Amino acid sequence: MRRQLIIQSILVITAIGMAVCMLNAIWKFTLLCRRPHKESGEARVAIYRADAAILEASCRQVLAEHAGSSVTMMSEIVRKQYGDPHAQLIGTNIPSSIRELDPAEISVENNIVMIKMRPHSRDRLIYTPDTSKSYGVTHLTNGLWYFDAERDSQIKDQVANQAMQADGATAPRPDR
């Protein structure tokens, strides 16, 4: 009798633990499915509509304020998704021209300002005073680059197709 009670208790505790894990997974999935930030196309339009010279000046200001340090600031929703209550928020000390882009994350490190437009995406705006290097696919102004993951993929496909054609091979046909 006692053994049966112990087994039932273990089963109940296991069931409760599994239910808690499932609820936690559902909650995290719900957070990730929200659209807190612009989709890739929306982010691209927002960046191209913005005044590149003002964005460059704003990035220069952010870099000057955080010179010599490594800082990552997140939007409120991204901070909740990552579950880091101590992460620094994107605040009013960031120029409005950058905040209007609704970035997911802003990082300052090694004399570079990187503005991620969406969480878990490669789309980003990159500023550096070092104008001798390319940091993106699209050059907006001296030192300001936009890395557009979709356009980067298209460029890589074009280069691969050109290389195959130069070798006399034909490009693979897409499935219809």
Protein backbone atom coordinates (compact mmCIF):
# COMPACT_ATOMS: atom_id res chain seq x y z
CA MET A 1 0.00 0.00 0.00
CA ARG A 2 2.75 2.39 0.98
CA ARG A 3 4.76 1.48 -2.11
CA GLN A 4 1.73 2.23 -4.30
CA LEU A 5 1.33 5.67 -2.67
CA ILE A 6 4.99 6.48 -3.32
CA ILE A 7 4.68 5.45 -6.99
CA GLN A 8 1.54 7.58 -7.40
CA SER A 9 3.29 10.56 -5.80
CA ILE A 10 6.25 10.19 -8.17
CA LEU A 11 3.90 10.02 -11.16
CA VAL A 12 2.00 13.14 -10.04
CA ILE A 13 5.23 15.08 -9.49
CA THR A 14 6.53 13.97 -12.90
CA ALA A 15 3.26 15.01 -14.59
CA ILE A 16 3.37 18.43 -12.91
CA GLY A 17 7.01 18.90 -13.99
CA MET A 18 6.16 18.02 -17.57
CA ALA A 19 3.19 20.39 -17.57
CA VAL A 20 5.36 23.23 -16.28
CA CYS A 21 7.96 22.55 -18.99
CA MET A 22 5.27 22.55 -21.69
CA LEU A 23 3.75 25.81 -20.42
CA ASN A 24 7.20 27.40 -20.37
CA ALA A 25 7.84 26.27 -23.97
CA ILE A 26 4.45 27.59 -25.11
CA TRP A 27 5.13 30.94 -23.40
CA LYS A 28 8.54 31.29 -25.08
CA PHE A 29 7.07 30.31 -28.46
CA THR A 30 4.34 32.93 -28.04
CA LEU A 31 6.97 35.61 -27.30
CA LEU A 32 9.02 34.66 -30.36
CA CYS A 33 5.98 34.66 -32.67
CA ARG A 34 5.13 38.27 -31.89
CA ARG A 35 6.18 40.79 -34.50
CA PRO A 36 8.00 43.25 -32.28
CA HIS A 37 10.24 44.54 -35.05
CA LYS A 38 10.07 45.24 -38.72
CA GLU A 39 10.26 42.40 -41.20
CA SER A 40 13.23 42.42 -43.56
CA GLY A 41 11.45 44.40 -46.30
CA GLU A 42 10.08 46.93 -43.82
CA ALA A 43 13.51 47.40 -42.25
CA ARG A 44 15.06 47.91 -45.70
CA VAL A 45 12.47 50.56 -46.60
CA ALA A 46 12.96 52.36 -43.26
CA ILE A 47 16.72 52.47 -43.76
CA TYR A 48 16.56 53.69 -47.35
CA ARG A 49 13.99 56.36 -46.45
CA ALA A 50 16.11 57.67 -43.60
CA ASP A 51 18.61 60.44 -44.23
CA ALA A 52 21.94 58.59 -44.44
CA ALA A 53 23.97 61.65 -43.42
CA ILE A 54 21.87 62.09 -40.27
CA LEU A 55 22.16 58.36 -39.49
CA GLU A 56 25.93 58.58 -39.92
CA ALA A 57 26.13 61.59 -37.58
CA SER A 58 23.92 59.76 -35.05
CA CYS A 59 26.13 56.67 -35.18
CA ARG A 60 29.19 58.88 -34.75
CA GLN A 61 27.53 60.38 -31.63
CA VAL A 62 26.77 56.90 -30.20
CA LEU A 63 30.36 55.83 -30.86
CA ALA A 64 31.72 58.95 -29.14
CA GLU A 65 29.50 58.40 -26.08
CA HIS A 66 30.66 54.79 -25.71
CA ALA A 67 34.28 55.18 -26.84
CA GLY A 68 36.60 52.53 -25.49
CA SER A 69 33.81 50.36 -24.12
CA SER A 70 31.80 47.39 -25.30
CA VAL A 71 28.05 47.98 -24.95
CA THR A 72 24.96 46.12 -26.15
CA MET A 73 21.54 47.71 -25.82
CA MET A 74 18.30 45.86 -26.58
CA SER A 75 14.70 46.80 -27.16
CA GLU A 76 12.31 45.92 -24.33
CA ILE A 77 10.73 43.02 -26.24
CA VAL A 78 14.08 41.53 -27.26
CA ARG A 79 15.30 41.78 -23.68
CA LYS A 80 12.23 39.81 -22.55
CA GLN A 81 12.76 37.21 -25.29
CA TYR A 82 16.37 36.64 -24.27
CA GLY A 83 15.30 36.58 -20.65
CA ASP A 84 18.09 38.91 -19.52
CA PRO A 85 16.62 41.41 -17.05
CA HIS A 86 20.01 43.10 -16.66
CA ALA A 87 20.55 43.87 -20.35
CA GLN A 88 20.73 47.58 -21.06
CA LEU A 89 17.71 49.04 -22.85
CA ILE A 90 17.84 51.29 -25.90
CA GLY A 91 17.15 54.58 -24.19
CA THR A 92 16.60 58.22 -24.93
CA ASN A 93 20.38 58.77 -24.96
CA ILE A 94 20.32 57.14 -28.41
CA PRO A 95 19.58 59.73 -31.14
CA SER A 96 16.00 59.74 -32.40
CA SER A 97 17.08 59.04 -35.99
CA ILE A 98 18.29 55.61 -34.82
CA ARG A 99 15.37 54.98 -32.44
CA GLU A 100 12.91 55.72 -35.29
CA LEU A 101 14.29 52.67 -37.13
CA ASP A 102 12.92 50.54 -34.25
CA PRO A 103 16.11 48.48 -33.89
CA ALA A 104 16.17 45.18 -32.02
CA GLU A 105 19.71 45.66 -30.75
CA ILE A 106 22.53 48.22 -30.85
CA SER A 107 26.12 47.13 -30.18
CA VAL A 108 29.19 49.31 -29.82
CA GLU A 109 32.53 47.52 -29.87
CA ASN A 110 35.99 47.97 -31.41
CA ASN A 111 35.17 51.36 -32.95
CA ILE A 112 32.07 49.93 -34.70
CA VAL A 113 28.37 50.64 -34.15
CA MET A 114 26.16 47.75 -35.25
CA ILE A 115 22.39 48.20 -35.39
CA LYS A 116 20.47 44.92 -35.75
CA MET A 117 17.09 45.55 -37.27
CA ARG A 118 15.45 42.28 -36.22
CA PRO A 119 16.30 39.64 -33.63
CA HIS A 120 18.04 36.54 -35.02
CA SER A 121 18.67 38.23 -38.38
CA ARG A 122 21.76 39.20 -40.30
CA ASP A 123 20.16 42.47 -41.52
CA ARG A 124 22.08 45.29 -39.89
CA LEU A 125 23.33 48.83 -40.24
CA ILE A 126 27.07 49.15 -39.58
CA TYR A 127 29.02 52.35 -38.89
CA THR A 128 32.77 52.73 -38.51
CA PRO A 129 35.03 55.74 -38.98
CA ASP A 130 37.44 53.40 -40.82
CA THR A 131 36.31 54.00 -44.41
CA SER A 132 38.98 51.78 -45.95
CA LYS A 133 36.98 48.55 -45.44
CA SER A 134 33.61 47.31 -46.66
CA TYR A 135 31.25 46.22 -43.89
CA GLY A 136 28.08 45.54 -45.84
CA VAL A 137 26.39 45.01 -49.13
CA THR A 138 25.14 48.57 -49.60
CA HIS A 139 27.36 51.61 -49.04
CA LEU A 140 25.16 54.44 -47.72
CA THR A 141 27.77 57.09 -46.81
CA ASN A 142 31.42 57.19 -45.78
CA GLY A 143 31.59 54.70 -42.96
CA LEU A 144 27.88 53.72 -43.01
CA TRP A 145 26.94 50.37 -44.51
CA TYR A 146 23.76 48.33 -44.69
CA PHE A 147 24.13 44.57 -44.65
CA ASP A 148 20.98 43.23 -46.30
CA ALA A 149 20.92 39.44 -45.85
CA GLU A 150 18.45 38.93 -48.70
CA ARG A 151 20.49 41.00 -51.16
CA ASP A 152 23.67 39.30 -49.96
CA SER A 153 22.15 35.91 -50.83
CA GLN A 154 21.12 37.18 -54.27
CA ILE A 155 24.63 38.52 -54.93
CA LYS A 156 26.19 35.21 -53.86
CA ASP A 157 23.80 33.34 -56.19
CA GLN A 158 24.67 35.67 -59.08
CA VAL A 159 28.40 35.22 -58.49
CA ALA A 160 27.98 31.43 -58.32
CA ASN A 161 25.94 31.40 -61.54
CA GLN A 162 28.50 33.60 -63.32
CA ALA A 163 31.31 31.32 -62.17
CA MET A 164 29.44 28.25 -63.40
CA GLN A 165 28.74 29.89 -66.78
CA ALA A 166 32.39 30.89 -67.10
CA ASP A 167 33.34 27.24 -66.52
CA GLY A 168 30.91 26.18 -69.24
CA ALA A 169 28.45 24.61 -66.84
CA THR A 170 24.84 25.64 -66.75
CA ALA A 171 23.18 27.08 -63.70
CA PRO A 172 20.85 24.73 -61.85
CA ARG A 173 17.22 25.20 -62.85
CA PRO A 174 14.82 25.99 -60.02
CA ASP A 175 12.11 23.41 -59.31
CA ARG A 176 8.75 24.40 -60.68
